[in-house]
Amino acid sequence: MSRFYRMFIITIGITEEQLQEVCFKKFGWEGEASTWKSEVMFDGEGYLYGGMSEEEAHQQIYDALKKINPEAKIQSNWTCMEDLPYQEYGDAIN
């Protein structure tokens, strides 16, 4: 089973190129890296397969980035895009 996610990573101590390399080339996430002040961010979308949890996926990316710079600060945010809450307004259309 796969689940579609949006992943947002914020790092300090990692370059845009390094973050893009890990997220896209190593783990297959589609997205862009950018810099704001001292933070480098990756905003992307992809799938978690085989029952992998968000925490397990975070740990894999975290470990890969820590190999590049053990002093880096890394935080990730995960949103499952398959079953988002929503509100409907207006006329009922069948």
PDB file of N, CA and C in Angstrom:
ATOM      1  N   MET A   1       0.846  -1.184   0.000  1.00  0.00           N
ATOM      2  CA  MET A   1       0.000   0.000   0.000  1.00  0.00           C
ATOM      3  C   MET A   1       0.884   1.238   0.000  1.00  0.00           C
ATOM      4  N   SER A   2       0.534   2.217  -0.807  1.00  0.00           N
ATOM      5  CA  SER A   2       1.268   3.470  -0.817  1.00  0.00           C
ATOM      6  C   SER A   2       0.332   4.610  -0.426  1.00  0.00           C
ATOM      7  N   ARG A   3       0.921   5.623   0.155  1.00  0.00           N
ATOM      8  CA  ARG A   3       0.158   6.803   0.548  1.00  0.00           C
ATOM      9  C   ARG A   3       0.884   8.034   0.025  1.00  0.00           C
ATOM     10  N   PHE A   4       0.138   8.989  -0.521  1.00  0.00           N
ATOM     11  CA  PHE A   4       0.690  10.199  -1.117  1.00  0.00           C
ATOM     12  C   PHE A   4       0.841  11.275  -0.042  1.00  0.00           C
ATOM     13  N   TYR A   5       2.032  11.880   0.032  1.00  0.00           N
ATOM     14  CA  TYR A   5       2.337  12.864   1.065  1.00  0.00           C
ATOM     15  C   TYR A   5       2.931  14.139   0.495  1.00  0.00           C
ATOM     16  N   ARG A   6       2.737  15.211   1.215  1.00  0.00           N
ATOM     17  CA  ARG A   6       3.512  16.427   1.032  1.00  0.00           C
ATOM     18  C   ARG A   6       4.481  16.471   2.203  1.00  0.00           C
ATOM     19  N   MET A   7       5.750  16.709   1.870  1.00  0.00           N
ATOM     20  CA  MET A   7       6.801  16.740   2.885  1.00  0.00           C
ATOM     21  C   MET A   7       7.488  18.097   2.817  1.00  0.00           C
ATOM     22  N   PHE A   8       7.686  18.706   3.973  1.00  0.00           N
ATOM     23  CA  PHE A   8       8.387  19.976   4.065  1.00  0.00           C
ATOM     24  C   PHE A   8       9.524  19.798   5.059  1.00  0.00           C
ATOM     25  N   ILE A   9      10.759  20.032   4.614  1.00  0.00           N
ATOM     26  CA  ILE A   9      11.929  19.873   5.478  1.00  0.00           C
ATOM     27  C   ILE A   9      12.608  21.219   5.648  1.00  0.00           C
ATOM     28  N   ILE A  10      12.988  21.526   6.871  1.00  0.00           N
ATOM     29  CA  ILE A  10      13.760  22.731   7.187  1.00  0.00           C
ATOM     30  C   ILE A  10      15.086  22.269   7.773  1.00  0.00           C
ATOM     31  N   THR A  11      16.186  22.830   7.260  1.00  0.00           N
ATOM     32  CA  THR A  11      17.505  22.457   7.755  1.00  0.00           C
ATOM     33  C   THR A  11      18.353  23.689   8.007  1.00  0.00           C
ATOM     34  N   ILE A  12      19.313  23.530   8.879  1.00  0.00           N
ATOM     35  CA  ILE A  12      20.398  24.488   9.081  1.00  0.00           C
ATOM     36  C   ILE A  12      21.677  23.668   9.012  1.00  0.00           C
ATOM     37  N   GLY A  13      22.626  24.107   8.181  1.00  0.00           N
ATOM     38  CA  GLY A  13      23.878  23.374   8.051  1.00  0.00           C
ATOM     39  C   GLY A  13      23.924  22.430   6.865  1.00  0.00           C
ATOM     40  N   ILE A  14      22.916  22.509   5.992  1.00  0.00           N
ATOM     41  CA  ILE A  14      22.840  21.708   4.766  1.00  0.00           C
ATOM     42  C   ILE A  14      22.614  22.693   3.619  1.00  0.00           C
ATOM     43  N   THR A  15      23.272  22.482   2.473  1.00  0.00           N
ATOM     44  CA  THR A  15      23.075  23.364   1.325  1.00  0.00           C
ATOM     45  C   THR A  15      21.847  22.943   0.524  1.00  0.00           C
ATOM     46  N   GLU A  16      21.381  23.846  -0.333  1.00  0.00           N
ATOM     47  CA  GLU A  16      20.260  23.519  -1.214  1.00  0.00           C
ATOM     48  C   GLU A  16      20.581  22.298  -2.069  1.00  0.00           C
ATOM     49  N   GLU A  17      21.792  22.274  -2.609  1.00  0.00           N
ATOM     50  CA  GLU A  17      22.194  21.165  -3.477  1.00  0.00           C
ATOM     51  C   GLU A  17      22.199  19.839  -2.718  1.00  0.00           C
ATOM     52  N   GLN A  18      22.707  19.848  -1.493  1.00  0.00           N
ATOM     53  CA  GLN A  18      22.736  18.625  -0.687  1.00  0.00           C
ATOM     54  C   GLN A  18      21.324  18.156  -0.357  1.00  0.00           C
ATOM     55  N   LEU A  19      20.459  19.088   0.016  1.00  0.00           N
ATOM     56  CA  LEU A  19      19.087  18.737   0.372  1.00  0.00           C
ATOM     57  C   LEU A  19      18.344  18.193  -0.845  1.00  0.00           C
ATOM     58  N   GLN A  20      18.520  18.835  -1.996  1.00  0.00           N
ATOM     59  CA  GLN A  20      17.881  18.370  -3.225  1.00  0.00           C
ATOM     60  C   GLN A  20      18.396  16.983  -3.592  1.00  0.00           C
ATOM     61  N   GLU A  21      19.693  16.765  -3.448  1.00  0.00           N
ATOM     62  CA  GLU A  21      20.310  15.473  -3.773  1.00  0.00           C
ATOM     63  C   GLU A  21      19.698  14.353  -2.922  1.00  0.00           C
ATOM     64  N   VAL A  22      19.572  14.579  -1.639  1.00  0.00           N
ATOM     65  CA  VAL A  22      19.036  13.544  -0.745  1.00  0.00           C
ATOM     66  C   VAL A  22      17.549  13.319  -1.002  1.00  0.00           C
ATOM     67  N   CYS A  23      16.765  14.398  -1.025  1.00  0.00           N
ATOM     68  CA  CYS A  23      15.313  14.238  -1.147  1.00  0.00           C
ATOM     69  C   CYS A  23      14.893  13.722  -2.511  1.00  0.00           C
ATOM     70  N   PHE A  24      15.475  14.260  -3.578  1.00  0.00           N
ATOM     71  CA  PHE A  24      15.049  13.877  -4.917  1.00  0.00           C
ATOM     72  C   PHE A  24      15.797  12.652  -5.442  1.00  0.00           C
ATOM     73  N   LYS A  25      17.110  12.740  -5.484  1.00  0.00           N
ATOM     74  CA  LYS A  25      17.871  11.667  -6.129  1.00  0.00           C
ATOM     75  C   LYS A  25      17.929  10.395  -5.296  1.00  0.00           C
ATOM     76  N   LYS A  26      18.048  10.535  -3.985  1.00  0.00           N
ATOM     77  CA  LYS A  26      18.167   9.335  -3.150  1.00  0.00           C
ATOM     78  C   LYS A  26      16.803   8.734  -2.790  1.00  0.00           C
ATOM     79  N   PHE A  27      15.822   9.605  -2.489  1.00  0.00           N
ATOM     80  CA  PHE A  27      14.536   9.102  -2.004  1.00  0.00           C
ATOM     81  C   PHE A  27      13.370   9.324  -2.967  1.00  0.00           C
ATOM     82  N   GLY A  28      13.595  10.017  -4.082  1.00  0.00           N
ATOM     83  CA  GLY A  28      12.578  10.136  -5.120  1.00  0.00           C
ATOM     84  C   GLY A  28      11.465  11.136  -4.892  1.00  0.00           C
ATOM     85  N   TRP A  29      11.641  12.087  -3.993  1.00  0.00           N
ATOM     86  CA  TRP A  29      10.611  13.086  -3.740  1.00  0.00           C
ATOM     87  C   TRP A  29      10.713  14.182  -4.789  1.00  0.00           C
ATOM     88  N   GLU A  30       9.590  14.556  -5.378  1.00  0.00           N
ATOM     89  CA  GLU A  30       9.535  15.645  -6.356  1.00  0.00           C
ATOM     90  C   GLU A  30       9.340  16.952  -5.590  1.00  0.00           C
ATOM     91  N   GLY A  31      10.198  17.921  -5.854  1.00  0.00           N
ATOM     92  CA  GLY A  31      10.044  19.202  -5.182  1.00  0.00           C
ATOM     93  C   GLY A  31      11.227  20.110  -5.422  1.00  0.00           C
ATOM     94  N   GLU A  32      11.248  21.207  -4.690  1.00  0.00           N
ATOM     95  CA  GLU A  32      12.269  22.229  -4.847  1.00  0.00           C
ATOM     96  C   GLU A  32      12.903  22.572  -3.504  1.00  0.00           C
ATOM     97  N   ALA A  33      14.193  22.839  -3.546  1.00  0.00           N
ATOM     98  CA  ALA A  33      14.899  23.337  -2.369  1.00  0.00           C
ATOM     99  C   ALA A  33      15.070  24.845  -2.527  1.00  0.00           C
ATOM    100  N   SER A  34      15.021  25.560  -1.415  1.00  0.00           N
ATOM    101  CA  SER A  34      15.211  27.008  -1.431  1.00  0.00           C
ATOM    102  C   SER A  34      15.858  27.438  -0.117  1.00  0.00           C
ATOM    103  N   THR A  35      16.353  28.670  -0.109  1.00  0.00           N
ATOM    104  CA  THR A  35      17.029  29.212   1.073  1.00  0.00           C
ATOM    105  C   THR A  35      16.323  30.475   1.535  1.00  0.00           C
ATOM    106  N   TRP A  36      16.178  30.597   2.845  1.00  0.00           N
ATOM    107  CA  TRP A  36      15.673  31.818   3.460  1.00  0.00           C
ATOM    108  C   TRP A  36      16.492  32.058   4.713  1.00  0.00           C
ATOM    109  N   LYS A  37      17.213  33.172   4.724  1.00  0.00           N
ATOM    110  CA  LYS A  37      18.150  33.492   5.808  1.00  0.00           C
ATOM    111  C   LYS A  37      19.124  32.333   5.983  1.00  0.00           C
ATOM    112  N   SER A  38      19.190  31.715   7.154  1.00  0.00           N
ATOM    113  CA  SER A  38      20.146  30.624   7.382  1.00  0.00           C
ATOM    114  C   SER A  38      19.513  29.243   7.203  1.00  0.00           C
ATOM    115  N   GLU A  39      18.235  29.206   6.809  1.00  0.00           N
ATOM    116  CA  GLU A  39      17.531  27.934   6.677  1.00  0.00           C
ATOM    117  C   GLU A  39      17.430  27.510   5.211  1.00  0.00           C
ATOM    118  N   VAL A  40      17.610  26.224   4.981  1.00  0.00           N
ATOM    119  CA  VAL A  40      17.396  25.640   3.659  1.00  0.00           C
ATOM    120  C   VAL A  40      16.198  24.713   3.774  1.00  0.00           C
ATOM    121  N   MET A  41      15.249  24.862   2.837  1.00  0.00           N
ATOM    122  CA  MET A  41      13.998  24.123   2.907  1.00  0.00           C
ATOM    123  C   MET A  41      13.786  23.298   1.649  1.00  0.00           C
ATOM    124  N   PHE A  42      13.094  22.194   1.809  1.00  0.00           N
ATOM    125  CA  PHE A  42      12.647  21.376   0.676  1.00  0.00           C
ATOM    126  C   PHE A  42      11.151  21.208   0.814  1.00  0.00           C
ATOM    127  N   ASP A  43      10.419  21.529  -0.248  1.00  0.00           N
ATOM    128  CA  ASP A  43       8.969  21.380  -0.277  1.00  0.00           C
ATOM    129  C   ASP A  43       8.653  20.434  -1.425  1.00  0.00           C
ATOM    130  N   GLY A  44       8.158  19.240  -1.100  1.00  0.00           N
ATOM    131  CA  GLY A  44       7.950  18.264  -2.154  1.00  0.00           C
ATOM    132  C   GLY A  44       6.823  17.298  -1.868  1.00  0.00           C
ATOM    133  N   GLU A  45       6.575  16.439  -2.859  1.00  0.00           N
ATOM    134  CA  GLU A  45       5.522  15.442  -2.767  1.00  0.00           C
ATOM    135  C   GLU A  45       6.062  14.085  -3.185  1.00  0.00           C
ATOM    136  N   GLY A  46       5.505  13.043  -2.593  1.00  0.00           N
ATOM    137  CA  GLY A  46       5.929  11.696  -2.934  1.00  0.00           C
ATOM    138  C   GLY A  46       5.093  10.668  -2.194  1.00  0.00           C
ATOM    139  N   TYR A  47       5.522   9.436  -2.306  1.00  0.00           N
ATOM    140  CA  TYR A  47       4.782   8.320  -1.724  1.00  0.00           C
ATOM    141  C   TYR A  47       5.583   7.617  -0.639  1.00  0.00           C
ATOM    142  N   LEU A  48       4.872   7.130   0.374  1.00  0.00           N
ATOM    143  CA  LEU A  48       5.430   6.199   1.343  1.00  0.00           C
ATOM    144  C   LEU A  48       4.860   4.829   0.992  1.00  0.00           C
ATOM    145  N   TYR A  49       5.734   3.837   0.878  1.00  0.00           N
ATOM    146  CA  TYR A  49       5.347   2.505   0.422  1.00  0.00           C
ATOM    147  C   TYR A  49       5.485   1.473   1.534  1.00  0.00           C
ATOM    148  N   GLY A  50       4.803   0.369   1.345  1.00  0.00           N
ATOM    149  CA  GLY A  50       4.977  -0.800   2.198  1.00  0.00           C
ATOM    150  C   GLY A  50       4.668  -0.581   3.665  1.00  0.00           C
ATOM    151  N   GLY A  51       3.756   0.324   3.962  1.00  0.00           N
ATOM    152  CA  GLY A  51       3.391   0.564   5.346  1.00  0.00           C
ATOM    153  C   GLY A  51       4.385   1.428   6.121  1.00  0.00           C
ATOM    154  N   MET A  52       5.361   2.039   5.419  1.00  0.00           N
ATOM    155  CA  MET A  52       6.337   2.904   6.093  1.00  0.00           C
ATOM    156  C   MET A  52       5.606   4.085   6.739  1.00  0.00           C
ATOM    157  N   SER A  53       5.983   4.409   7.958  1.00  0.00           N
ATOM    158  CA  SER A  53       5.373   5.532   8.663  1.00  0.00           C
ATOM    159  C   SER A  53       6.104   6.830   8.323  1.00  0.00           C
ATOM    160  N   GLU A  54       5.480   7.939   8.636  1.00  0.00           N
ATOM    161  CA  GLU A  54       6.110   9.233   8.449  1.00  0.00           C
ATOM    162  C   GLU A  54       7.397   9.314   9.280  1.00  0.00           C
ATOM    163  N   GLU A  55       7.350   8.780  10.488  1.00  0.00           N
ATOM    164  CA  GLU A  55       8.523   8.819  11.360  1.00  0.00           C
ATOM    165  C   GLU A  55       9.681   8.003  10.780  1.00  0.00           C
ATOM    166  N   GLU A  56       9.376   6.845  10.203  1.00  0.00           N
ATOM    167  CA  GLU A  56      10.424   6.027   9.582  1.00  0.00           C
ATOM    168  C   GLU A  56      11.027   6.742   8.369  1.00  0.00           C
ATOM    169  N   ALA A  57      10.180   7.367   7.553  1.00  0.00           N
ATOM    170  CA  ALA A  57      10.673   8.105   6.391  1.00  0.00           C
ATOM    171  C   ALA A  57      11.520   9.296   6.840  1.00  0.00           C
ATOM    172  N   HIS A  58      11.051  10.007   7.868  1.00  0.00           N
ATOM    173  CA  HIS A  58      11.843  11.110   8.422  1.00  0.00           C
ATOM    174  C   HIS A  58      13.217  10.610   8.848  1.00  0.00           C
ATOM    175  N   GLN A  59      13.254   9.483   9.543  1.00  0.00           N
ATOM    176  CA  GLN A  59      14.513   8.963  10.069  1.00  0.00           C
ATOM    177  C   GLN A  59      15.491   8.624   8.947  1.00  0.00           C
ATOM    178  N   GLN A  60      15.004   8.072   7.857  1.00  0.00           N
ATOM    179  CA  GLN A  60      15.881   7.758   6.720  1.00  0.00           C
ATOM    180  C   GLN A  60      16.494   9.030   6.126  1.00  0.00           C
ATOM    181  N   ILE A  61      15.669  10.041   5.918  1.00  0.00           N
ATOM    182  CA  ILE A  61      16.170  11.306   5.364  1.00  0.00           C
ATOM    183  C   ILE A  61      17.080  11.998   6.375  1.00  0.00           C
ATOM    184  N   TYR A  62      16.688  11.979   7.631  1.00  0.00           N
ATOM    185  CA  TYR A  62      17.479  12.582   8.709  1.00  0.00           C
ATOM    186  C   TYR A  62      18.874  11.953   8.761  1.00  0.00           C
ATOM    187  N   ASP A  63      18.934  10.632   8.735  1.00  0.00           N
ATOM    188  CA  ASP A  63      20.220   9.923   8.787  1.00  0.00           C
ATOM    189  C   ASP A  63      21.096  10.267   7.583  1.00  0.00           C
ATOM    190  N   ALA A  64      20.492  10.329   6.392  1.00  0.00           N
ATOM    191  CA  ALA A  64      21.254  10.658   5.183  1.00  0.00           C
ATOM    192  C   ALA A  64      21.824  12.081   5.266  1.00  0.00           C
ATOM    193  N   LEU A  65      21.051  13.019   5.802  1.00  0.00           N
ATOM    194  CA  LEU A  65      21.529  14.401   5.936  1.00  0.00           C
ATOM    195  C   LEU A  65      22.578  14.523   7.037  1.00  0.00           C
ATOM    196  N   LYS A  66      22.412  13.786   8.118  1.00  0.00           N
ATOM    197  CA  LYS A  66      23.396  13.819   9.208  1.00  0.00           C
ATOM    198  C   LYS A  66      24.746  13.258   8.770  1.00  0.00           C
ATOM    199  N   LYS A  67      24.746  12.334   7.795  1.00  0.00           N
ATOM    200  CA  LYS A  67      26.012  11.836   7.255  1.00  0.00           C
ATOM    201  C   LYS A  67      26.769  12.943   6.541  1.00  0.00           C
ATOM    202  N   ILE A  68      26.029  13.858   5.932  1.00  0.00           N
ATOM    203  CA  ILE A  68      26.643  14.993   5.239  1.00  0.00           C
ATOM    204  C   ILE A  68      27.213  15.982   6.243  1.00  0.00           C
ATOM    205  N   ASN A  69      26.430  16.308   7.272  1.00  0.00           N
ATOM    206  CA  ASN A  69      26.863  17.241   8.311  1.00  0.00           C
ATOM    207  C   ASN A  69      26.264  16.805   9.651  1.00  0.00           C
ATOM    208  N   PRO A  70      27.065  16.159  10.506  1.00  0.00           N
ATOM    209  CA  PRO A  70      26.551  15.690  11.799  1.00  0.00           C
ATOM    210  C   PRO A  70      26.024  16.802  12.711  1.00  0.00           C
ATOM    211  N   GLU A  71      26.433  18.042  12.459  1.00  0.00           N
ATOM    212  CA  GLU A  71      25.995  19.172  13.281  1.00  0.00           C
ATOM    213  C   GLU A  71      24.721  19.835  12.754  1.00  0.00           C
ATOM    214  N   ALA A  72      24.213  19.393  11.620  1.00  0.00           N
ATOM    215  CA  ALA A  72      23.035  20.001  11.007  1.00  0.00           C
ATOM    216  C   ALA A  72      21.805  19.852  11.903  1.00  0.00           C
ATOM    217  N   LYS A  73      20.912  20.805  11.789  1.00  0.00           N
ATOM    218  CA  LYS A  73      19.596  20.755  12.439  1.00  0.00           C
ATOM    219  C   LYS A  73      18.583  20.431  11.346  1.00  0.00           C
ATOM    220  N   ILE A  74      17.706  19.454  11.609  1.00  0.00           N
ATOM    221  CA  ILE A  74      16.793  18.964  10.583  1.00  0.00           C
ATOM    222  C   ILE A  74      15.409  18.735  11.198  1.00  0.00           C
ATOM    223  N   GLN A  75      14.401  19.285  10.553  1.00  0.00           N
ATOM    224  CA  GLN A  75      13.025  19.070  10.990  1.00  0.00           C
ATOM    225  C   GLN A  75      12.177  18.792   9.757  1.00  0.00           C
ATOM    226  N   SER A  76      11.253  17.847   9.851  1.00  0.00           N
ATOM    227  CA  SER A  76      10.363  17.572   8.723  1.00  0.00           C
ATOM    228  C   SER A  76       8.909  17.625   9.173  1.00  0.00           C
ATOM    229  N   ASN A  77       8.056  18.024   8.233  1.00  0.00           N
ATOM    230  CA  ASN A  77       6.611  18.081   8.449  1.00  0.00           C
ATOM    231  C   ASN A  77       5.952  17.262   7.349  1.00  0.00           C
ATOM    232  N   TRP A  78       4.971  16.442   7.717  1.00  0.00           N
ATOM    233  CA  TRP A  78       4.339  15.512   6.783  1.00  0.00           C
ATOM    234  C   TRP A  78       2.835  15.730   6.772  1.00  0.00           C
ATOM    235  N   THR A  79       2.255  15.780   5.562  1.00  0.00           N
ATOM    236  CA  THR A  79       0.815  15.885   5.399  1.00  0.00           C
ATOM    237  C   THR A  79       0.353  14.809   4.422  1.00  0.00           C
ATOM    238  N   CYS A  80      -0.516  13.933   4.882  1.00  0.00           N
ATOM    239  CA  CYS A  80      -1.087  12.905   4.008  1.00  0.00           C
ATOM    240  C   CYS A  80      -2.128  13.599   3.123  1.00  0.00           C
ATOM    241  N   MET A  81      -1.930  13.529   1.812  1.00  0.00           N
ATOM    242  CA  MET A  81      -2.769  14.266   0.868  1.00  0.00           C
ATOM    243  C   MET A  81      -3.986  13.463   0.406  1.00  0.00           C
ATOM    244  N   GLU A  82      -4.119  12.237   0.852  1.00  0.00           N
ATOM    245  CA  GLU A  82      -5.175  11.376   0.331  1.00  0.00           C
ATOM    246  C   GLU A  82      -6.521  11.533   1.023  1.00  0.00           C
ATOM    247  N   ASP A  83      -6.554  12.008   2.226  1.00  0.00           N
ATOM    248  CA  ASP A  83      -7.823  12.062   2.952  1.00  0.00           C
ATOM    249  C   ASP A  83      -7.891  13.343   3.788  1.00  0.00           C
ATOM    250  N   LEU A  84      -7.709  14.475   3.122  1.00  0.00           N
ATOM    251  CA  LEU A  84      -7.735  15.739   3.842  1.00  0.00           C
ATOM    252  C   LEU A  84      -9.161  16.100   4.239  1.00  0.00           C
ATOM    253  N   PRO A  85      -9.323  16.731   5.387  1.00  0.00           N
ATOM    254  CA  PRO A  85     -10.664  17.198   5.765  1.00  0.00           C
ATOM    255  C   PRO A  85     -11.089  18.351   4.850  1.00  0.00           C
ATOM    256  N   TYR A  86     -12.367  18.469   4.612  1.00  0.00           N
ATOM    257  CA  TYR A  86     -12.863  19.563   3.787  1.00  0.00           C
ATOM    258  C   TYR A  86     -14.290  19.898   4.176  1.00  0.00           C
ATOM    259  N   GLN A  87     -14.745  21.060   3.738  1.00  0.00           N
ATOM    260  CA  GLN A  87     -16.111  21.516   3.954  1.00  0.00           C
ATOM    261  C   GLN A  87     -16.723  21.806   2.601  1.00  0.00           C
ATOM    262  N   GLU A  88     -17.987  21.453   2.422  1.00  0.00           N
ATOM    263  CA  GLU A  88     -18.696  21.762   1.195  1.00  0.00           C
ATOM    264  C   GLU A  88     -19.729  22.849   1.477  1.00  0.00           C
ATOM    265  N   TYR A  89     -19.879  23.772   0.529  1.00  0.00           N
ATOM    266  CA  TYR A  89     -20.845  24.856   0.640  1.00  0.00           C
ATOM    267  C   TYR A  89     -21.610  24.966  -0.679  1.00  0.00           C
ATOM    268  N   GLY A  90     -22.812  25.444  -0.620  1.00  0.00           N
ATOM    269  CA  GLY A  90     -23.585  25.660  -1.834  1.00  0.00           C
ATOM    270  C   GLY A  90     -24.645  24.595  -2.028  1.00  0.00           C
ATOM    271  N   ASP A  91     -25.126  24.521  -3.259  1.00  0.00           N
ATOM    272  CA  ASP A  91     -26.204  23.605  -3.601  1.00  0.00           C
ATOM    273  C   ASP A  91     -25.690  22.171  -3.734  1.00  0.00           C
ATOM    274  N   ALA A  92     -26.535  21.211  -3.365  1.00  0.00           N
ATOM    275  CA  ALA A  92     -26.190  19.799  -3.533  1.00  0.00           C
ATOM    276  C   ALA A  92     -26.252  19.431  -5.006  1.00  0.00           C
ATOM    277  N   ILE A  93     -25.197  18.806  -5.489  1.00  0.00           N
ATOM    278  CA  ILE A  93     -25.154  18.356  -6.884  1.00  0.00           C
ATOM    279  C   ILE A  93     -24.888  16.866  -6.863  1.00  0.00           C
ATOM    280  N   ASN A  94     -25.801  16.108  -7.452  1.00  0.00           N
ATOM    281  CA  ASN A  94     -25.679  14.652  -7.450  1.00  0.00           C
ATOM    282  C   ASN A  94     -25.102  14.168  -8.722  1.00  0.00           C
TER     283      ASN A  94
END
